[in-house]
Amino acid sequence: MKKVLSIVALALVCVFAFTSCNKEKTMEELLTIEKGWTLSAATSTPAYVMNNGNQISNLFDGYFYDCEKDDIIKFKSDGYQYVNPGKEKCEGDPAQETSLGKWSLNESAKTLVMHLQYFNDTQKNATIVSLTEKELKVNVTINITNEVTKAEGTYTWTLTYVPAK
């Protein structure tokens, strides 16, 4: 009886040992989640100067429209980045998911080359601040020159995304 209990106990230990080992996800696996990412916060350093002279640090306080805040960004394993306009559509938004262009990831330097639909799909180098199953946070340098609607300047935007629902 002791031998049987010992074998059962050993088997249980082995089962728990193997099931509790979670393989750590790569940066690409974290980035390419099926649901995609939605912008949850956006800040500017220094404060972003609007064309009317107002300065804002929180870009949700006057830069981003509500219809842009629910956009879903997807980094797919085919190497392309897609945007889905979400439930609230801006004027001129496509009705379906569309490609923004290619994306790439340099894991050692933590650089993500991505498109920002807020700047006519311009491709930018984004420094990954954090990338987990719950958050993607990047810093992007924005250079504004000769714009009618925006004041000139160089800004670092911190964009925080959360998994789309």
N, C-alpha and C. Protein backbone atom coordinates (compact mmCIF):
# COMPACT_ATOMS: atom_id res chain seq x y z
N MET A 1 0.81 -1.18 0.00
CA MET A 1 0.00 0.00 0.00
C MET A 1 0.86 1.26 0.00
N LYS A 2 1.96 1.20 0.79
CA LYS A 2 2.87 2.34 0.85
C LYS A 2 3.48 2.62 -0.52
N LYS A 3 3.80 1.54 -1.23
CA LYS A 3 4.43 1.67 -2.54
C LYS A 3 3.45 2.33 -3.53
N VAL A 4 2.19 1.94 -3.48
CA VAL A 4 1.17 2.51 -4.36
C VAL A 4 0.99 4.00 -4.07
N LEU A 5 0.91 4.34 -2.78
CA LEU A 5 0.77 5.75 -2.40
C LEU A 5 1.98 6.57 -2.84
N SER A 6 3.14 5.98 -2.71
CA SER A 6 4.36 6.68 -3.14
C SER A 6 4.35 6.93 -4.64
N ILE A 7 3.91 5.95 -5.41
CA ILE A 7 3.84 6.09 -6.87
C ILE A 7 2.81 7.16 -7.24
N VAL A 8 1.65 7.14 -6.60
CA VAL A 8 0.60 8.14 -6.86
C VAL A 8 1.11 9.54 -6.50
N ALA A 9 1.78 9.66 -5.35
CA ALA A 9 2.32 10.95 -4.93
C ALA A 9 3.36 11.46 -5.93
N LEU A 10 4.23 10.58 -6.38
CA LEU A 10 5.25 10.93 -7.37
C LEU A 10 4.60 11.37 -8.68
N ALA A 11 3.58 10.65 -9.11
CA ALA A 11 2.87 10.99 -10.34
C ALA A 11 2.23 12.37 -10.22
N LEU A 12 1.63 12.67 -9.07
CA LEU A 12 1.01 13.98 -8.87
C LEU A 12 2.04 15.10 -8.89
N VAL A 13 3.17 14.86 -8.27
CA VAL A 13 4.24 15.87 -8.28
C VAL A 13 4.70 16.14 -9.71
N CYS A 14 4.85 15.07 -10.49
CA CYS A 14 5.27 15.24 -11.89
C CYS A 14 4.23 16.01 -12.70
N VAL A 15 2.97 15.69 -12.50
CA VAL A 15 1.89 16.39 -13.23
C VAL A 15 1.91 17.87 -12.89
N PHE A 16 1.99 18.19 -11.61
CA PHE A 16 2.01 19.60 -11.21
C PHE A 16 3.27 20.31 -11.71
N ALA A 17 4.39 19.62 -11.71
CA ALA A 17 5.63 20.24 -12.18
C ALA A 17 5.55 20.58 -13.66
N PHE A 18 5.00 19.69 -14.48
CA PHE A 18 4.93 19.93 -15.91
C PHE A 18 3.83 20.93 -16.28
N THR A 19 2.72 20.92 -15.57
CA THR A 19 1.63 21.84 -15.92
C THR A 19 1.90 23.25 -15.40
N SER A 20 2.72 23.41 -14.40
CA SER A 20 3.00 24.75 -13.87
C SER A 20 4.10 25.46 -14.64
N CYS A 21 4.80 24.75 -15.51
CA CYS A 21 5.85 25.38 -16.32
C CYS A 21 5.21 26.08 -17.51
N ASN A 22 5.21 27.38 -17.49
CA ASN A 22 4.69 28.15 -18.62
C ASN A 22 5.85 28.65 -19.45
N LYS A 23 5.81 28.39 -20.73
CA LYS A 23 6.84 28.88 -21.62
C LYS A 23 6.67 30.39 -21.75
N GLU A 24 7.73 31.12 -21.53
CA GLU A 24 7.66 32.58 -21.64
C GLU A 24 7.47 32.96 -23.11
N LYS A 25 6.54 33.87 -23.35
CA LYS A 25 6.24 34.29 -24.72
C LYS A 25 7.32 35.23 -25.23
N THR A 26 7.58 35.13 -26.53
CA THR A 26 8.52 36.05 -27.16
C THR A 26 7.85 37.40 -27.35
N MET A 27 8.64 38.41 -27.65
CA MET A 27 8.08 39.73 -27.90
C MET A 27 7.13 39.70 -29.09
N GLU A 28 7.48 38.93 -30.12
CA GLU A 28 6.60 38.84 -31.29
C GLU A 28 5.27 38.18 -30.93
N GLU A 29 5.31 37.14 -30.11
CA GLU A 29 4.07 36.48 -29.69
C GLU A 29 3.20 37.42 -28.87
N LEU A 30 3.81 38.21 -28.01
CA LEU A 30 3.05 39.18 -27.22
C LEU A 30 2.44 40.27 -28.11
N LEU A 31 3.21 40.72 -29.07
CA LEU A 31 2.78 41.82 -29.95
C LEU A 31 1.65 41.41 -30.88
N THR A 32 1.68 40.17 -31.36
CA THR A 32 0.74 39.72 -32.38
C THR A 32 -0.50 39.05 -31.80
N ILE A 33 -0.97 39.54 -30.67
CA ILE A 33 -2.18 38.94 -30.08
C ILE A 33 -3.34 39.08 -31.06
N GLU A 34 -4.19 38.07 -31.07
CA GLU A 34 -5.27 37.99 -32.07
C GLU A 34 -6.25 39.16 -31.99
N LYS A 35 -6.59 39.59 -30.79
CA LYS A 35 -7.57 40.68 -30.63
C LYS A 35 -7.02 42.03 -31.05
N GLY A 36 -5.71 42.20 -31.00
CA GLY A 36 -5.10 43.48 -31.32
C GLY A 36 -5.02 44.40 -30.11
N TRP A 37 -4.65 45.64 -30.35
CA TRP A 37 -4.37 46.61 -29.30
C TRP A 37 -5.20 47.88 -29.51
N THR A 38 -5.65 48.47 -28.41
CA THR A 38 -6.40 49.73 -28.44
C THR A 38 -5.65 50.75 -27.60
N LEU A 39 -5.56 51.97 -28.12
CA LEU A 39 -4.88 53.05 -27.40
C LEU A 39 -5.63 53.38 -26.12
N SER A 40 -4.94 53.36 -24.98
CA SER A 40 -5.59 53.65 -23.70
C SER A 40 -5.06 54.93 -23.07
N ALA A 41 -3.87 55.38 -23.48
CA ALA A 41 -3.30 56.62 -22.95
C ALA A 41 -2.28 57.14 -23.95
N ALA A 42 -2.16 58.45 -24.01
CA ALA A 42 -1.18 59.08 -24.90
C ALA A 42 -0.74 60.39 -24.28
N THR A 43 0.56 60.52 -24.05
CA THR A 43 1.09 61.75 -23.47
C THR A 43 2.21 62.29 -24.34
N SER A 44 2.51 63.56 -24.16
CA SER A 44 3.57 64.22 -24.93
C SER A 44 4.53 64.92 -23.99
N THR A 45 5.83 64.77 -24.28
CA THR A 45 6.88 65.48 -23.56
C THR A 45 7.78 66.14 -24.60
N PRO A 46 7.96 67.45 -24.61
CA PRO A 46 7.26 68.42 -23.78
C PRO A 46 5.79 68.47 -24.18
N ALA A 47 5.03 69.30 -23.47
CA ALA A 47 3.61 69.44 -23.78
C ALA A 47 3.45 69.81 -25.25
N TYR A 48 2.49 69.16 -25.90
CA TYR A 48 2.22 69.35 -27.33
C TYR A 48 1.56 70.71 -27.53
N VAL A 49 2.08 71.50 -28.45
CA VAL A 49 1.55 72.83 -28.72
C VAL A 49 0.60 72.75 -29.91
N MET A 50 -0.66 73.05 -29.64
CA MET A 50 -1.67 73.04 -30.69
C MET A 50 -1.55 74.35 -31.49
N ASN A 51 -2.17 74.38 -32.68
CA ASN A 51 -2.05 75.56 -33.52
C ASN A 51 -2.68 76.80 -32.89
N ASN A 52 -3.60 76.61 -31.93
CA ASN A 52 -4.21 77.75 -31.26
C ASN A 52 -3.37 78.24 -30.07
N GLY A 53 -2.21 77.62 -29.86
CA GLY A 53 -1.32 78.01 -28.78
C GLY A 53 -1.50 77.23 -27.50
N ASN A 54 -2.59 76.49 -27.37
CA ASN A 54 -2.80 75.67 -26.18
C ASN A 54 -1.76 74.56 -26.12
N GLN A 55 -1.33 74.22 -24.91
CA GLN A 55 -0.38 73.15 -24.70
C GLN A 55 -1.07 72.02 -23.95
N ILE A 56 -0.86 70.79 -24.41
CA ILE A 56 -1.45 69.64 -23.74
C ILE A 56 -0.40 68.55 -23.55
N SER A 57 -0.37 67.98 -22.37
CA SER A 57 0.50 66.84 -22.10
C SER A 57 -0.25 65.54 -22.34
N ASN A 58 -1.54 65.51 -21.92
CA ASN A 58 -2.39 64.34 -22.15
C ASN A 58 -3.05 64.53 -23.51
N LEU A 59 -2.65 63.75 -24.48
CA LEU A 59 -3.14 63.92 -25.86
C LEU A 59 -4.61 63.54 -26.01
N PHE A 60 -5.19 62.90 -24.99
CA PHE A 60 -6.63 62.62 -25.01
C PHE A 60 -7.43 63.89 -24.69
N ASP A 61 -6.75 64.95 -24.24
CA ASP A 61 -7.42 66.21 -23.88
C ASP A 61 -7.39 67.22 -25.03
N GLY A 62 -7.62 66.75 -26.24
CA GLY A 62 -7.72 67.71 -27.33
C GLY A 62 -7.03 67.33 -28.62
N TYR A 63 -6.19 66.31 -28.60
CA TYR A 63 -5.54 65.91 -29.85
C TYR A 63 -6.30 64.76 -30.52
N PHE A 64 -6.51 63.68 -29.78
CA PHE A 64 -7.19 62.51 -30.35
C PHE A 64 -8.70 62.69 -30.28
N TYR A 65 -9.36 62.33 -31.36
CA TYR A 65 -10.82 62.31 -31.39
C TYR A 65 -11.30 61.03 -30.72
N ASP A 66 -12.52 61.06 -30.19
CA ASP A 66 -13.10 59.86 -29.57
C ASP A 66 -13.13 58.69 -30.54
N CYS A 67 -13.39 58.99 -31.82
CA CYS A 67 -13.48 57.92 -32.81
C CYS A 67 -12.12 57.27 -33.10
N GLU A 68 -11.02 57.92 -32.71
CA GLU A 68 -9.70 57.32 -32.89
C GLU A 68 -9.29 56.47 -31.70
N LYS A 69 -9.89 56.75 -30.55
CA LYS A 69 -9.48 56.07 -29.32
C LYS A 69 -9.89 54.60 -29.28
N ASP A 70 -10.87 54.22 -30.10
CA ASP A 70 -11.28 52.81 -30.09
C ASP A 70 -10.76 52.04 -31.30
N ASP A 71 -9.87 52.67 -32.08
CA ASP A 71 -9.23 51.95 -33.19
C ASP A 71 -8.48 50.74 -32.66
N ILE A 72 -8.52 49.66 -33.40
CA ILE A 72 -7.81 48.45 -33.01
C ILE A 72 -6.64 48.25 -33.96
N ILE A 73 -5.44 48.22 -33.40
CA ILE A 73 -4.22 48.03 -34.16
C ILE A 73 -3.81 46.57 -34.01
N LYS A 74 -3.55 45.93 -35.15
CA LYS A 74 -3.11 44.52 -35.12
C LYS A 74 -1.78 44.38 -35.84
N PHE A 75 -0.86 43.73 -35.17
CA PHE A 75 0.42 43.37 -35.75
C PHE A 75 0.31 41.88 -36.07
N LYS A 76 0.23 41.56 -37.34
CA LYS A 76 0.01 40.16 -37.71
C LYS A 76 1.32 39.50 -38.11
N SER A 77 1.34 38.18 -37.98
CA SER A 77 2.56 37.42 -38.25
C SER A 77 2.96 37.46 -39.72
N ASP A 78 2.08 37.97 -40.59
CA ASP A 78 2.46 38.12 -42.00
C ASP A 78 3.35 39.34 -42.23
N GLY A 79 3.65 40.08 -41.14
CA GLY A 79 4.54 41.24 -41.23
C GLY A 79 3.83 42.54 -41.54
N TYR A 80 2.50 42.50 -41.60
CA TYR A 80 1.74 43.71 -41.88
C TYR A 80 0.97 44.15 -40.65
N GLN A 81 0.82 45.46 -40.55
CA GLN A 81 0.07 46.07 -39.47
C GLN A 81 -1.28 46.52 -40.02
N TYR A 82 -2.33 46.24 -39.27
CA TYR A 82 -3.68 46.55 -39.72
C TYR A 82 -4.38 47.46 -38.72
N VAL A 83 -5.36 48.21 -39.19
CA VAL A 83 -6.19 49.02 -38.31
C VAL A 83 -7.65 48.69 -38.59
N ASN A 84 -8.39 48.54 -37.51
CA ASN A 84 -9.83 48.36 -37.58
C ASN A 84 -10.41 49.58 -36.89
N PRO A 85 -11.29 50.34 -37.56
CA PRO A 85 -11.75 51.60 -36.98
C PRO A 85 -12.58 51.46 -35.71
N GLY A 86 -12.88 50.28 -35.26
CA GLY A 86 -13.64 50.11 -34.03
C GLY A 86 -15.11 50.46 -34.22
N LYS A 87 -15.82 50.59 -33.10
CA LYS A 87 -17.27 50.84 -33.17
C LYS A 87 -17.58 52.27 -33.59
N GLU A 88 -16.81 53.22 -33.05
CA GLU A 88 -17.07 54.62 -33.37
C GLU A 88 -16.19 55.02 -34.55
N LYS A 89 -16.79 55.34 -35.67
CA LYS A 89 -16.06 55.63 -36.90
C LYS A 89 -15.86 57.13 -37.08
N CYS A 90 -14.65 57.50 -37.49
CA CYS A 90 -14.38 58.88 -37.89
C CYS A 90 -14.83 59.05 -39.34
N GLU A 91 -15.08 60.27 -39.73
CA GLU A 91 -15.45 60.53 -41.12
C GLU A 91 -14.32 60.06 -42.02
N GLY A 92 -14.66 59.28 -43.02
CA GLY A 92 -13.67 58.78 -43.97
C GLY A 92 -13.02 57.47 -43.57
N ASP A 93 -13.33 56.94 -42.39
CA ASP A 93 -12.78 55.65 -41.97
C ASP A 93 -13.30 54.55 -42.89
N PRO A 94 -12.44 53.58 -43.22
CA PRO A 94 -12.95 52.43 -43.97
C PRO A 94 -13.88 51.61 -43.09
N ALA A 95 -14.77 50.89 -43.72
CA ALA A 95 -15.75 50.08 -42.97
C ALA A 95 -15.15 48.79 -42.42
N GLN A 96 -13.97 48.44 -42.88
CA GLN A 96 -13.38 47.17 -42.48
C GLN A 96 -11.91 47.35 -42.15
N GLU A 97 -11.32 46.27 -41.67
CA GLU A 97 -9.90 46.28 -41.33
C GLU A 97 -9.08 46.53 -42.59
N THR A 98 -8.09 47.43 -42.49
CA THR A 98 -7.23 47.73 -43.64
C THR A 98 -5.76 47.72 -43.21
N SER A 99 -4.90 47.48 -44.16
CA SER A 99 -3.47 47.41 -43.89
C SER A 99 -2.88 48.83 -43.82
N LEU A 100 -2.03 49.03 -42.82
CA LEU A 100 -1.28 50.28 -42.72
C LEU A 100 0.09 50.15 -43.37
N GLY A 101 0.55 48.92 -43.57
CA GLY A 101 1.87 48.67 -44.12
C GLY A 101 2.63 47.68 -43.27
N LYS A 102 3.89 47.51 -43.56
CA LYS A 102 4.71 46.52 -42.85
C LYS A 102 5.16 47.04 -41.49
N TRP A 103 5.36 46.10 -40.59
CA TRP A 103 5.94 46.39 -39.29
C TRP A 103 7.12 45.47 -39.08
N SER A 104 8.02 45.84 -38.19
CA SER A 104 9.15 44.96 -37.87
C SER A 104 9.55 45.19 -36.41
N LEU A 105 10.24 44.22 -35.88
CA LEU A 105 10.61 44.24 -34.47
C LEU A 105 12.07 43.86 -34.35
N ASN A 106 12.83 44.70 -33.67
CA ASN A 106 14.21 44.40 -33.35
C ASN A 106 14.22 44.09 -31.87
N GLU A 107 14.15 42.81 -31.52
CA GLU A 107 13.99 42.41 -30.12
C GLU A 107 15.16 42.84 -29.24
N SER A 108 16.39 42.80 -29.76
CA SER A 108 17.52 43.13 -28.90
C SER A 108 17.54 44.62 -28.57
N ALA A 109 17.17 45.46 -29.51
CA ALA A 109 17.18 46.90 -29.26
C ALA A 109 15.83 47.40 -28.77
N LYS A 110 14.83 46.49 -28.72
CA LYS A 110 13.48 46.86 -28.31
C LYS A 110 12.93 48.01 -29.16
N THR A 111 13.16 47.92 -30.46
CA THR A 111 12.63 48.90 -31.39
C THR A 111 11.55 48.25 -32.24
N LEU A 112 10.42 48.91 -32.29
CA LEU A 112 9.31 48.46 -33.11
C LEU A 112 9.11 49.49 -34.21
N VAL A 113 9.23 49.05 -35.45
CA VAL A 113 8.94 49.94 -36.58
C VAL A 113 7.47 49.74 -36.89
N MET A 114 6.69 50.81 -36.70
CA MET A 114 5.24 50.71 -36.83
C MET A 114 4.69 51.92 -37.57
N HIS A 115 3.45 51.80 -38.00
CA HIS A 115 2.77 52.90 -38.66
C HIS A 115 1.84 53.58 -37.67
N LEU A 116 1.80 54.90 -37.73
CA LEU A 116 0.88 55.67 -36.91
C LEU A 116 -0.18 56.26 -37.84
N GLN A 117 -1.39 55.73 -37.74
CA GLN A 117 -2.45 56.20 -38.63
C GLN A 117 -2.80 57.65 -38.38
N TYR A 118 -2.34 58.20 -37.26
CA TYR A 118 -2.63 59.59 -36.92
C TYR A 118 -1.80 60.56 -37.77
N PHE A 119 -0.79 60.05 -38.44
CA PHE A 119 0.08 60.87 -39.29
C PHE A 119 0.12 60.31 -40.71
N ASN A 120 -1.04 60.12 -41.29
CA ASN A 120 -1.13 59.63 -42.67
C ASN A 120 -0.32 58.36 -42.87
N ASP A 121 -0.43 57.44 -41.93
CA ASP A 121 0.22 56.13 -42.01
C ASP A 121 1.74 56.21 -42.08
N THR A 122 2.31 57.24 -41.49
CA THR A 122 3.76 57.39 -41.48
C THR A 122 4.40 56.30 -40.63
N GLN A 123 5.47 55.71 -41.15
CA GLN A 123 6.19 54.67 -40.41
C GLN A 123 7.18 55.33 -39.46
N LYS A 124 7.17 54.88 -38.21
CA LYS A 124 8.04 55.46 -37.18
C LYS A 124 8.77 54.36 -36.43
N ASN A 125 9.96 54.71 -35.92
CA ASN A 125 10.66 53.83 -34.99
C ASN A 125 10.14 54.12 -33.60
N ALA A 126 9.62 53.11 -32.95
CA ALA A 126 9.07 53.26 -31.60
C ALA A 126 9.94 52.46 -30.64
N THR A 127 10.35 53.08 -29.56
CA THR A 127 11.10 52.37 -28.53
C THR A 127 10.11 51.72 -27.59
N ILE A 128 10.24 50.42 -27.42
CA ILE A 128 9.33 49.68 -26.54
C ILE A 128 9.72 49.93 -25.09
N VAL A 129 8.81 50.54 -24.34
CA VAL A 129 9.01 50.80 -22.93
C VAL A 129 8.61 49.55 -22.15
N SER A 130 7.46 48.96 -22.52
CA SER A 130 7.03 47.71 -21.90
C SER A 130 6.14 46.95 -22.88
N LEU A 131 6.24 45.64 -22.81
CA LEU A 131 5.41 44.76 -23.63
C LEU A 131 5.11 43.52 -22.81
N THR A 132 3.84 43.43 -22.39
CA THR A 132 3.36 42.29 -21.62
C THR A 132 2.04 41.84 -22.23
N GLU A 133 1.42 40.84 -21.65
CA GLU A 133 0.11 40.41 -22.13
C GLU A 133 -0.96 41.46 -21.87
N LYS A 134 -0.68 42.40 -20.97
CA LYS A 134 -1.68 43.41 -20.59
C LYS A 134 -1.39 44.81 -21.11
N GLU A 135 -0.18 45.03 -21.66
CA GLU A 135 0.17 46.40 -22.05
C GLU A 135 1.28 46.43 -23.10
N LEU A 136 1.12 47.34 -24.04
CA LEU A 136 2.17 47.70 -24.99
C LEU A 136 2.37 49.19 -24.83
N LYS A 137 3.55 49.59 -24.38
CA LYS A 137 3.85 51.01 -24.21
C LYS A 137 5.09 51.34 -25.02
N VAL A 138 4.97 52.37 -25.87
CA VAL A 138 6.08 52.76 -26.73
C VAL A 138 6.31 54.26 -26.64
N ASN A 139 7.54 54.68 -26.90
CA ASN A 139 7.90 56.09 -27.05
C ASN A 139 8.21 56.33 -28.53
N VAL A 140 7.61 57.38 -29.07
CA VAL A 140 7.81 57.73 -30.48
C VAL A 140 8.18 59.21 -30.54
N THR A 141 9.22 59.53 -31.32
CA THR A 141 9.60 60.92 -31.52
C THR A 141 8.82 61.47 -32.71
N ILE A 142 8.15 62.59 -32.48
CA ILE A 142 7.34 63.24 -33.50
C ILE A 142 7.98 64.58 -33.83
N ASN A 143 8.29 64.81 -35.09
CA ASN A 143 8.82 66.09 -35.54
C ASN A 143 7.76 66.78 -36.40
N ILE A 144 7.31 67.93 -35.94
CA ILE A 144 6.31 68.70 -36.67
C ILE A 144 6.99 69.90 -37.30
N THR A 145 6.88 70.01 -38.61
CA THR A 145 7.44 71.16 -39.32
C THR A 145 6.44 71.64 -40.36
N ASN A 146 6.33 72.95 -40.48
CA ASN A 146 5.50 73.58 -41.51
C ASN A 146 4.10 72.99 -41.62
N GLU A 147 3.44 72.83 -40.51
CA GLU A 147 2.07 72.31 -40.50
C GLU A 147 1.10 73.46 -40.27
N VAL A 148 -0.01 73.42 -40.95
CA VAL A 148 -1.04 74.43 -40.77
C VAL A 148 -1.80 74.21 -39.47
N THR A 149 -2.04 72.95 -39.11
CA THR A 149 -2.89 72.65 -37.96
C THR A 149 -2.12 72.33 -36.68
N LYS A 150 -0.80 72.28 -36.74
CA LYS A 150 -0.02 71.94 -35.56
C LYS A 150 1.19 72.87 -35.47
N ALA A 151 1.58 73.19 -34.25
CA ALA A 151 2.76 74.01 -34.05
C ALA A 151 4.02 73.18 -34.27
N GLU A 152 5.06 73.85 -34.79
CA GLU A 152 6.32 73.15 -35.04
C GLU A 152 6.95 72.73 -33.72
N GLY A 153 7.71 71.65 -33.76
CA GLY A 153 8.42 71.19 -32.58
C GLY A 153 8.77 69.72 -32.65
N THR A 154 9.57 69.27 -31.71
CA THR A 154 9.93 67.86 -31.57
C THR A 154 9.39 67.38 -30.24
N TYR A 155 8.64 66.30 -30.30
CA TYR A 155 7.94 65.80 -29.13
C TYR A 155 8.20 64.30 -28.99
N THR A 156 8.23 63.83 -27.76
CA THR A 156 8.24 62.39 -27.50
C THR A 156 6.85 62.03 -27.01
N TRP A 157 6.20 61.17 -27.78
CA TRP A 157 4.88 60.68 -27.40
C TRP A 157 5.04 59.32 -26.75
N THR A 158 4.39 59.15 -25.62
CA THR A 158 4.31 57.85 -24.99
C THR A 158 2.90 57.34 -25.24
N LEU A 159 2.82 56.27 -26.03
CA LEU A 159 1.54 55.68 -26.40
C LEU A 159 1.38 54.36 -25.66
N THR A 160 0.29 54.22 -24.94
CA THR A 160 0.01 53.01 -24.19
C THR A 160 -1.20 52.33 -24.78
N TYR A 161 -1.02 51.07 -25.14
CA TYR A 161 -2.09 50.25 -25.72
C TYR A 161 -2.42 49.13 -24.76
N VAL A 162 -3.68 48.72 -24.78
CA VAL A 162 -4.13 47.55 -24.02
C VAL A 162 -4.79 46.59 -24.99
N PRO A 163 -4.90 45.32 -24.63
CA PRO A 163 -5.56 44.38 -25.53
C PRO A 163 -7.00 44.83 -25.84
N ALA A 164 -7.37 44.74 -27.10
CA ALA A 164 -8.72 45.11 -27.52
C ALA A 164 -9.71 44.13 -26.92
N LYS A 165 -10.94 44.58 -26.74
CA LYS A 165 -11.97 43.73 -26.15
C LYS A 165 -12.82 43.10 -27.20
